[in-house]
Amino acid sequence: MYILHMKSMSLISPNVSFIELIMKIGILLCGDVPTPLTEKFGDYSSCLKNQLNLERDAKVTVLNVYQKLELPSDFDNYDGYIIGGSLAGVNDDLDWIKQLTLFIRNVFYSGKKLLGICFGHQMIHHALGGVVMRSPAGWGLGAYEVTLRQDFEQLHAGETISILAIHQDQVVRPAKCFDIIAGNDFCPNYLTRYKKQVLTVQGHPEFNFLFFSALINASENSFSPAILEHAVEERTSEKDRLYFNHCANNFILER
């Protein structure tokens, strides 16, 4: 559903206007930033909107799924949906996860766009028949390189990208018909895509290093000092992060 905006074309004539189509994007909020960090960094939905530069070309609505079960009664109310991170796991026995699973299926079969980040990446595959499990290799914490298996935007197969991550679970069997764009031995199904409709990534391109460092230090998870030290040493490529955010913006707002 597009919003119609009328704007004056003053350079042509004060009486001439044109119709501008504004996309409607729904952020399905599944978690938030720890309260102590919000004063400095803002809440999680602001992080997504700002880092993905969404509000420049779209009307963005935040729907609190994990606390209020705010799922649209009509999935056609929005042109696309973004599902970000969460402290929950897709296999948790929670009502909001069950409802979100059904909603994702309906959105997918309707042809609407989906962008999944970390938990959202896992949730989309879980809803569409894939398998998500706790990794026996432990935490994926910090930035780790993944190799492109096929071309992605202006990047070519064989090139690597590095984006910050924080996860124990991962997609071990992708949903059918998804292309595996990038991965590595630790996380083979890191970046996936279904045609021009769905894009998912295990990492957190919406996190810059300053926020990530504050987040893991404020986390309720009891990371060992060695894991924390390794995580902060493995800095992401800011160039990779910004480029991926540019790609994600183009993807979700592509008309």
C-alpha atoms as a PDB file:
ATOM      1  CA  MET A   1       0.000   0.000   0.000  1.00  0.00           C
ATOM      2  CA  TYR A   2       1.465   3.301  -1.120  1.00  0.00           C
ATOM      3  CA  ILE A   3       0.628   6.689   0.392  1.00  0.00           C
ATOM      4  CA  LEU A   4      -0.150   9.402  -2.142  1.00  0.00           C
ATOM      5  CA  HIS A   5       1.490  12.766  -1.509  1.00  0.00           C
ATOM      6  CA  MET A   6       0.676  15.843  -3.564  1.00  0.00           C
ATOM      7  CA  LYS A   7       3.549  18.275  -4.042  1.00  0.00           C
ATOM      8  CA  SER A   8       3.663  21.616  -5.804  1.00  0.00           C
ATOM      9  CA  MET A   9       5.943  21.888  -8.827  1.00  0.00           C
ATOM     10  CA  SER A  10       6.755  25.575  -8.268  1.00  0.00           C
ATOM     11  CA  LEU A  11       9.535  25.651 -10.850  1.00  0.00           C
ATOM     12  CA  ILE A  12       7.043  24.620 -13.519  1.00  0.00           C
ATOM     13  CA  SER A  13       3.897  26.361 -12.374  1.00  0.00           C
ATOM     14  CA  PRO A  14       2.430  27.150  -8.953  1.00  0.00           C
ATOM     15  CA  ASN A  15      -0.783  25.425 -10.026  1.00  0.00           C
ATOM     16  CA  VAL A  16       0.812  22.155 -11.146  1.00  0.00           C
ATOM     17  CA  SER A  17       1.294  19.275  -8.741  1.00  0.00           C
ATOM     18  CA  PHE A  18       2.420  15.693  -8.979  1.00  0.00           C
ATOM     19  CA  ILE A  19       1.712  12.532  -7.027  1.00  0.00           C
ATOM     20  CA  GLU A  20       4.565  11.039  -5.029  1.00  0.00           C
ATOM     21  CA  LEU A  21       4.265   7.410  -3.929  1.00  0.00           C
ATOM     22  CA  ILE A  22       5.528   6.771  -0.417  1.00  0.00           C
ATOM     23  CA  MET A  23       6.017   3.163   0.621  1.00  0.00           C
ATOM     24  CA  LYS A  24       4.679   1.903   3.938  1.00  0.00           C
ATOM     25  CA  ILE A  25       7.085  -0.293   5.908  1.00  0.00           C
ATOM     26  CA  GLY A  26       6.236  -2.159   9.098  1.00  0.00           C
ATOM     27  CA  ILE A  27       8.959  -2.939  11.638  1.00  0.00           C
ATOM     28  CA  LEU A  28       7.895  -6.049  13.562  1.00  0.00           C
ATOM     29  CA  LEU A  29       9.609  -5.365  16.874  1.00  0.00           C
ATOM     30  CA  CYS A  30      10.729  -8.569  18.610  1.00  0.00           C
ATOM     31  CA  GLY A  31      13.044  -7.079  21.235  1.00  0.00           C
ATOM     32  CA  ASP A  32      14.636  -3.841  22.345  1.00  0.00           C
ATOM     33  CA  VAL A  33      17.831  -2.219  23.526  1.00  0.00           C
ATOM     34  CA  PRO A  34      18.657  -2.648  27.243  1.00  0.00           C
ATOM     35  CA  THR A  35      17.236   0.331  29.139  1.00  0.00           C
ATOM     36  CA  PRO A  36      20.632   1.685  30.301  1.00  0.00           C
ATOM     37  CA  LEU A  37      21.687   2.136  26.659  1.00  0.00           C
ATOM     38  CA  THR A  38      18.611   3.934  25.346  1.00  0.00           C
ATOM     39  CA  GLU A  39      19.608   7.386  26.596  1.00  0.00           C
ATOM     40  CA  LYS A  40      22.802   7.338  24.557  1.00  0.00           C
ATOM     41  CA  PHE A  41      21.794   5.196  21.584  1.00  0.00           C
ATOM     42  CA  GLY A  42      18.000   5.357  21.408  1.00  0.00           C
ATOM     43  CA  ASP A  43      15.680   2.374  21.196  1.00  0.00           C
ATOM     44  CA  TYR A  44      16.057  -0.512  18.760  1.00  0.00           C
ATOM     45  CA  SER A  45      13.448   0.649  16.275  1.00  0.00           C
ATOM     46  CA  SER A  46      15.264   3.995  16.006  1.00  0.00           C
ATOM     47  CA  CYS A  47      18.481   2.105  15.383  1.00  0.00           C
ATOM     48  CA  LEU A  48      16.887   0.217  12.493  1.00  0.00           C
ATOM     49  CA  LYS A  49      15.262   3.301  10.994  1.00  0.00           C
ATOM     50  CA  ASN A  50      18.391   5.431  11.237  1.00  0.00           C
ATOM     51  CA  GLN A  51      21.026   2.935  10.151  1.00  0.00           C
ATOM     52  CA  LEU A  52      18.945   1.609   7.246  1.00  0.00           C
ATOM     53  CA  ASN A  53      17.932   5.182   6.348  1.00  0.00           C
ATOM     54  CA  LEU A  54      14.306   4.128   6.045  1.00  0.00           C
ATOM     55  CA  GLU A  55      12.392   7.307   6.763  1.00  0.00           C
ATOM     56  CA  ARG A  56      13.903   9.236   3.872  1.00  0.00           C
ATOM     57  CA  ASP A  57      11.678   7.440   1.359  1.00  0.00           C
ATOM     58  CA  ALA A  58       9.087   5.572   3.414  1.00  0.00           C
ATOM     59  CA  LYS A  59       6.515   5.895   6.154  1.00  0.00           C
ATOM     60  CA  VAL A  60       7.671   3.522   8.891  1.00  0.00           C
ATOM     61  CA  THR A  61       5.393   2.073  11.566  1.00  0.00           C
ATOM     62  CA  VAL A  62       6.755   0.162  14.554  1.00  0.00           C
ATOM     63  CA  LEU A  63       4.602  -2.785  15.640  1.00  0.00           C
ATOM     64  CA  ASN A  64       5.444  -4.216  19.064  1.00  0.00           C
ATOM     65  CA  VAL A  65       5.044  -7.943  18.518  1.00  0.00           C
ATOM     66  CA  TYR A  66       6.917  -9.370  21.481  1.00  0.00           C
ATOM     67  CA  GLN A  67       5.117  -7.372  24.189  1.00  0.00           C
ATOM     68  CA  LYS A  68       1.773  -6.368  22.665  1.00  0.00           C
ATOM     69  CA  LEU A  69       1.295  -8.849  19.796  1.00  0.00           C
ATOM     70  CA  GLU A  70       0.778  -5.948  17.402  1.00  0.00           C
ATOM     71  CA  LEU A  71       0.407  -7.801  14.116  1.00  0.00           C
ATOM     72  CA  PRO A  72      -1.607  -6.155  11.328  1.00  0.00           C
ATOM     73  CA  SER A  73      -5.072  -7.633  10.825  1.00  0.00           C
ATOM     74  CA  ASP A  74      -4.450  -7.185   7.113  1.00  0.00           C
ATOM     75  CA  PHE A  75      -0.876  -7.821   5.967  1.00  0.00           C
ATOM     76  CA  ASP A  76      -1.674  -5.769   2.865  1.00  0.00           C
ATOM     77  CA  ASN A  77      -1.544  -2.630   5.037  1.00  0.00           C
ATOM     78  CA  TYR A  78       2.207  -2.437   4.387  1.00  0.00           C
ATOM     79  CA  ASP A  79       4.418  -2.850   1.346  1.00  0.00           C
ATOM     80  CA  GLY A  80       7.121  -4.680   3.265  1.00  0.00           C
ATOM     81  CA  TYR A  81       8.133  -5.844   6.715  1.00  0.00           C
ATOM     82  CA  ILE A  82      11.393  -5.819   8.672  1.00  0.00           C
ATOM     83  CA  ILE A  83      12.056  -8.302  11.476  1.00  0.00           C
ATOM     84  CA  GLY A  84      15.118  -7.544  13.585  1.00  0.00           C
ATOM     85  CA  GLY A  85      16.855  -8.962  16.626  1.00  0.00           C
ATOM     86  CA  SER A  86      15.476 -10.495  19.811  1.00  0.00           C
ATOM     87  CA  LEU A  87      16.602 -12.082  23.066  1.00  0.00           C
ATOM     88  CA  ALA A  88      14.126 -14.873  22.329  1.00  0.00           C
ATOM     89  CA  GLY A  89      14.811 -17.893  20.148  1.00  0.00           C
ATOM     90  CA  VAL A  90      12.575 -19.026  17.306  1.00  0.00           C
ATOM     91  CA  ASN A  91      12.060 -22.405  18.981  1.00  0.00           C
ATOM     92  CA  ASP A  92      10.866 -20.864  22.263  1.00  0.00           C
ATOM     93  CA  ASP A  93       7.349 -21.855  23.296  1.00  0.00           C
ATOM     94  CA  LEU A  94       5.942 -18.328  23.251  1.00  0.00           C
ATOM     95  CA  ASP A  95       2.567 -17.281  21.876  1.00  0.00           C
ATOM     96  CA  TRP A  96       3.919 -14.235  20.055  1.00  0.00           C
ATOM     97  CA  ILE A  97       6.456 -16.392  18.208  1.00  0.00           C
ATOM     98  CA  LYS A  98       3.710 -18.799  17.129  1.00  0.00           C
ATOM     99  CA  GLN A  99       1.579 -15.900  15.902  1.00  0.00           C
ATOM    100  CA  LEU A 100       4.532 -14.303  14.135  1.00  0.00           C
ATOM    101  CA  THR A 101       5.291 -17.613  12.414  1.00  0.00           C
ATOM    102  CA  LEU A 102       1.803 -17.700  10.895  1.00  0.00           C
ATOM    103  CA  PHE A 103       1.986 -14.037   9.954  1.00  0.00           C
ATOM    104  CA  ILE A 104       5.305 -14.477   8.125  1.00  0.00           C
ATOM    105  CA  ARG A 105       3.843 -17.332   6.086  1.00  0.00           C
ATOM    106  CA  ASN A 106       0.883 -15.198   5.046  1.00  0.00           C
ATOM    107  CA  VAL A 107       3.131 -12.281   4.146  1.00  0.00           C
ATOM    108  CA  PHE A 108       5.439 -14.538   2.144  1.00  0.00           C
ATOM    109  CA  TYR A 109       2.648 -16.146   0.131  1.00  0.00           C
ATOM    110  CA  SER A 110       1.120 -12.729  -0.508  1.00  0.00           C
ATOM    111  CA  GLY A 111       4.319 -11.666  -2.267  1.00  0.00           C
ATOM    112  CA  LYS A 112       5.102  -8.835   0.157  1.00  0.00           C
ATOM    113  CA  LYS A 113       8.729  -8.065   0.909  1.00  0.00           C
ATOM    114  CA  LEU A 114      10.508  -9.338   4.009  1.00  0.00           C
ATOM    115  CA  LEU A 115      13.853  -8.255   5.437  1.00  0.00           C
ATOM    116  CA  GLY A 116      15.181 -10.389   8.296  1.00  0.00           C
ATOM    117  CA  ILE A 117      18.104  -9.466  10.558  1.00  0.00           C
ATOM    118  CA  CYS A 118      19.601 -11.951  13.070  1.00  0.00           C
ATOM    119  CA  PHE A 119      16.508 -13.309  14.877  1.00  0.00           C
ATOM    120  CA  GLY A 120      14.458 -12.095  11.902  1.00  0.00           C
ATOM    121  CA  HIS A 121      16.704 -14.083   9.543  1.00  0.00           C
ATOM    122  CA  GLN A 122      16.159 -17.194  11.652  1.00  0.00           C
ATOM    123  CA  MET A 123      12.437 -16.510  12.095  1.00  0.00           C
ATOM    124  CA  ILE A 124      11.763 -16.269   8.370  1.00  0.00           C
ATOM    125  CA  HIS A 125      13.482 -19.583   7.673  1.00  0.00           C
ATOM    126  CA  HIS A 126      11.768 -21.196  10.677  1.00  0.00           C
ATOM    127  CA  ALA A 127       8.343 -20.031   9.467  1.00  0.00           C
ATOM    128  CA  LEU A 128       8.938 -21.244   5.915  1.00  0.00           C
ATOM    129  CA  GLY A 129      10.115 -24.762   6.759  1.00  0.00           C
ATOM    130  CA  GLY A 130      13.799 -24.317   7.531  1.00  0.00           C
ATOM    131  CA  VAL A 131      15.555 -25.531  10.676  1.00  0.00           C
ATOM    132  CA  VAL A 132      17.155 -23.303  13.317  1.00  0.00           C
ATOM    133  CA  MET A 133      19.302 -24.793  16.087  1.00  0.00           C
ATOM    134  CA  ARG A 134      21.773 -23.826  18.779  1.00  0.00           C
ATOM    135  CA  SER A 135      25.259 -23.976  17.279  1.00  0.00           C
ATOM    136  CA  PRO A 136      27.540 -26.599  18.858  1.00  0.00           C
ATOM    137  CA  ALA A 137      30.424 -24.278  17.943  1.00  0.00           C
ATOM    138  CA  GLY A 138      29.214 -21.716  20.481  1.00  0.00           C
ATOM    139  CA  TRP A 139      28.676 -17.992  20.163  1.00  0.00           C
ATOM    140  CA  GLY A 140      29.077 -16.016  16.996  1.00  0.00           C
ATOM    141  CA  LEU A 141      30.187 -12.821  18.677  1.00  0.00           C
ATOM    142  CA  GLY A 142      31.916  -9.926  16.980  1.00  0.00           C
ATOM    143  CA  ALA A 143      32.718  -9.570  13.311  1.00  0.00           C
ATOM    144  CA  TYR A 144      33.616 -12.597  11.269  1.00  0.00           C
ATOM    145  CA  GLU A 145      34.230 -12.816   7.550  1.00  0.00           C
ATOM    146  CA  VAL A 146      31.850 -14.634   5.262  1.00  0.00           C
ATOM    147  CA  THR A 147      32.513 -15.418   1.632  1.00  0.00           C
ATOM    148  CA  LEU A 148      30.069 -14.626  -1.144  1.00  0.00           C
ATOM    149  CA  ARG A 149      28.995 -17.727  -3.021  1.00  0.00           C
ATOM    150  CA  GLN A 150      27.346 -15.692  -5.741  1.00  0.00           C
ATOM    151  CA  ASP A 151      27.220 -12.085  -6.833  1.00  0.00           C
ATOM    152  CA  PHE A 152      25.388  -9.695  -4.507  1.00  0.00           C
ATOM    153  CA  GLU A 153      24.657  -6.196  -5.759  1.00  0.00           C
ATOM    154  CA  GLN A 154      28.077  -4.773  -6.762  1.00  0.00           C
ATOM    155  CA  LEU A 155      30.031  -7.508  -4.940  1.00  0.00           C
ATOM    156  CA  HIS A 156      31.201 -10.640  -6.701  1.00  0.00           C
ATOM    157  CA  ALA A 157      31.366 -14.298  -5.768  1.00  0.00           C
ATOM    158  CA  GLY A 158      34.567 -15.020  -3.841  1.00  0.00           C
ATOM    159  CA  GLU A 159      34.722 -11.618  -2.152  1.00  0.00           C
ATOM    160  CA  THR A 160      34.258 -11.377   1.611  1.00  0.00           C
ATOM    161  CA  ILE A 161      32.193  -9.154   3.883  1.00  0.00           C
ATOM    162  CA  SER A 162      32.404  -8.663   7.641  1.00  0.00           C
ATOM    163  CA  ILE A 163      29.484  -7.472   9.783  1.00  0.00           C
ATOM    164  CA  LEU A 164      29.061  -7.585  13.557  1.00  0.00           C
ATOM    165  CA  ALA A 165      27.107 -10.518  14.949  1.00  0.00           C
ATOM    166  CA  ILE A 166      25.813 -11.769  18.273  1.00  0.00           C
ATOM    167  CA  HIS A 167      24.068 -15.154  18.165  1.00  0.00           C
ATOM    168  CA  GLN A 168      24.072 -18.709  19.457  1.00  0.00           C
ATOM    169  CA  ASP A 169      21.341 -20.080  17.207  1.00  0.00           C
ATOM    170  CA  GLN A 170      21.659 -20.213  13.452  1.00  0.00           C
ATOM    171  CA  VAL A 171      19.897 -21.541  10.368  1.00  0.00           C
ATOM    172  CA  VAL A 172      21.184 -25.079   9.815  1.00  0.00           C
ATOM    173  CA  ARG A 173      18.758 -25.922   7.016  1.00  0.00           C
ATOM    174  CA  PRO A 174      17.396 -23.045   4.952  1.00  0.00           C
ATOM    175  CA  ALA A 175      13.822 -22.876   3.751  1.00  0.00           C
ATOM    176  CA  LYS A 176      13.341 -24.341   0.291  1.00  0.00           C
ATOM    177  CA  CYS A 177      14.105 -22.273  -2.785  1.00  0.00           C
ATOM    178  CA  PHE A 178      16.283 -19.755  -0.911  1.00  0.00           C
ATOM    179  CA  ASP A 179      19.649 -18.894  -2.429  1.00  0.00           C
ATOM    180  CA  ILE A 180      22.613 -18.963  -0.060  1.00  0.00           C
ATOM    181  CA  ILE A 181      24.457 -15.760  -0.885  1.00  0.00           C
ATOM    182  CA  ALA A 182      27.251 -15.919   1.700  1.00  0.00           C
ATOM    183  CA  GLY A 183      28.545 -17.993   4.590  1.00  0.00           C
ATOM    184  CA  ASN A 184      31.563 -19.623   6.185  1.00  0.00           C
ATOM    185  CA  ASP A 185      32.393 -22.837   8.038  1.00  0.00           C
ATOM    186  CA  PHE A 186      30.962 -21.519  11.306  1.00  0.00           C
ATOM    187  CA  CYS A 187      27.764 -20.094   9.789  1.00  0.00           C
ATOM    188  CA  PRO A 188      27.176 -21.560   6.311  1.00  0.00           C
ATOM    189  CA  ASN A 189      23.769 -19.919   5.795  1.00  0.00           C
ATOM    190  CA  TYR A 190      24.702 -16.383   6.813  1.00  0.00           C
ATOM    191  CA  LEU A 191      23.129 -14.350   4.007  1.00  0.00           C
ATOM    192  CA  THR A 192      20.156 -15.657   2.046  1.00  0.00           C
ATOM    193  CA  ARG A 193      17.685 -14.428  -0.529  1.00  0.00           C
ATOM    194  CA  TYR A 194      14.471 -15.540  -2.154  1.00  0.00           C
ATOM    195  CA  LYS A 195      14.148 -13.945  -5.578  1.00  0.00           C
ATOM    196  CA  LYS A 196      13.523 -10.208  -5.140  1.00  0.00           C
ATOM    197  CA  GLN A 197      11.095 -10.728  -2.274  1.00  0.00           C
ATOM    198  CA  VAL A 198      13.054 -11.845   0.801  1.00  0.00           C
ATOM    199  CA  LEU A 199      16.521 -10.929   2.086  1.00  0.00           C
ATOM    200  CA  THR A 200      17.906 -12.271   5.371  1.00  0.00           C
ATOM    201  CA  VAL A 201      21.207 -11.859   7.199  1.00  0.00           C
ATOM    202  CA  GLN A 202      22.527 -13.407  10.416  1.00  0.00           C
ATOM    203  CA  GLY A 203      24.673 -10.396  11.292  1.00  0.00           C
ATOM    204  CA  HIS A 204      23.644  -7.004  12.638  1.00  0.00           C
ATOM    205  CA  PRO A 205      24.350  -4.346   9.989  1.00  0.00           C
ATOM    206  CA  GLU A 206      22.330  -1.895  12.101  1.00  0.00           C
ATOM    207  CA  PHE A 207      24.962  -2.064  14.881  1.00  0.00           C
ATOM    208  CA  ASN A 208      28.016   0.164  14.735  1.00  0.00           C
ATOM    209  CA  PHE A 209      31.004  -0.846  16.840  1.00  0.00           C
ATOM    210  CA  LEU A 210      30.389   1.691  19.608  1.00  0.00           C
ATOM    211  CA  PHE A 211      26.863   0.423  20.179  1.00  0.00           C
ATOM    212  CA  PHE A 212      27.887  -3.232  19.853  1.00  0.00           C
ATOM    213  CA  SER A 213      30.639  -2.848  22.437  1.00  0.00           C
ATOM    214  CA  ALA A 214      28.232  -1.215  24.906  1.00  0.00           C
ATOM    215  CA  LEU A 215      25.590  -3.869  24.216  1.00  0.00           C
ATOM    216  CA  ILE A 216      27.717  -6.921  24.899  1.00  0.00           C
ATOM    217  CA  ASN A 217      29.100  -5.370  28.067  1.00  0.00           C
ATOM    218  CA  ALA A 218      25.549  -4.640  29.267  1.00  0.00           C
ATOM    219  CA  SER A 219      24.252  -8.049  28.173  1.00  0.00           C
ATOM    220  CA  GLU A 220      22.622 -10.407  30.652  1.00  0.00           C
ATOM    221  CA  ASN A 221      24.576 -13.243  29.060  1.00  0.00           C
ATOM    222  CA  SER A 222      27.645 -14.176  31.069  1.00  0.00           C
ATOM    223  CA  PHE A 223      30.317 -14.008  28.407  1.00  0.00           C
ATOM    224  CA  SER A 224      33.730 -15.109  29.543  1.00  0.00           C
ATOM    225  CA  PRO A 225      36.476 -12.444  29.547  1.00  0.00           C
ATOM    226  CA  ALA A 226      38.227 -14.291  26.709  1.00  0.00           C
ATOM    227  CA  ILE A 227      35.095 -14.242  24.521  1.00  0.00           C
ATOM    228  CA  LEU A 228      34.509 -10.552  25.230  1.00  0.00           C
ATOM    229  CA  GLU A 229      38.106  -9.687  24.441  1.00  0.00           C
ATOM    230  CA  HIS A 230      37.927 -11.570  21.147  1.00  0.00           C
ATOM    231  CA  ALA A 231      34.607  -9.932  20.247  1.00  0.00           C
ATOM    232  CA  VAL A 232      35.850  -6.377  20.674  1.00  0.00           C
ATOM    233  CA  GLU A 233      39.065  -7.175  18.810  1.00  0.00           C
ATOM    234  CA  GLU A 234      37.142  -8.440  15.786  1.00  0.00           C
ATOM    235  CA  ARG A 235      36.026  -5.085  14.477  1.00  0.00           C
ATOM    236  CA  THR A 236      33.667  -4.995  11.558  1.00  0.00           C
ATOM    237  CA  SER A 237      34.532  -3.244   8.341  1.00  0.00           C
ATOM    238  CA  GLU A 238      32.530  -0.011   8.518  1.00  0.00           C
ATOM    239  CA  LYS A 239      32.634   0.069   4.740  1.00  0.00           C
ATOM    240  CA  ASP A 240      31.000  -3.387   4.580  1.00  0.00           C
ATOM    241  CA  ARG A 241      28.358  -2.434   7.140  1.00  0.00           C
ATOM    242  CA  LEU A 242      27.388   0.789   5.409  1.00  0.00           C
ATOM    243  CA  TYR A 243      27.316  -0.879   2.016  1.00  0.00           C
ATOM    244  CA  PHE A 244      25.085  -3.663   3.275  1.00  0.00           C
ATOM    245  CA  ASN A 245      22.714  -1.115   4.828  1.00  0.00           C
ATOM    246  CA  HIS A 246      22.591   0.646   1.470  1.00  0.00           C
ATOM    247  CA  CYS A 247      21.722  -2.673  -0.200  1.00  0.00           C
ATOM    248  CA  ALA A 248      19.085  -3.462   2.433  1.00  0.00           C
ATOM    249  CA  ASN A 249      17.502  -0.044   1.929  1.00  0.00           C
ATOM    250  CA  ASN A 250      17.400  -0.524  -1.831  1.00  0.00           C
ATOM    251  CA  PHE A 251      15.925  -3.985  -1.388  1.00  0.00           C
ATOM    252  CA  ILE A 252      13.076  -3.151   0.985  1.00  0.00           C
ATOM    253  CA  LEU A 253      12.154   0.108  -0.781  1.00  0.00           C
ATOM    254  CA  GLU A 254      12.522  -1.111  -4.357  1.00  0.00           C
ATOM    255  CA  ARG A 255       9.328  -0.444  -6.235  1.00  0.00           C
END
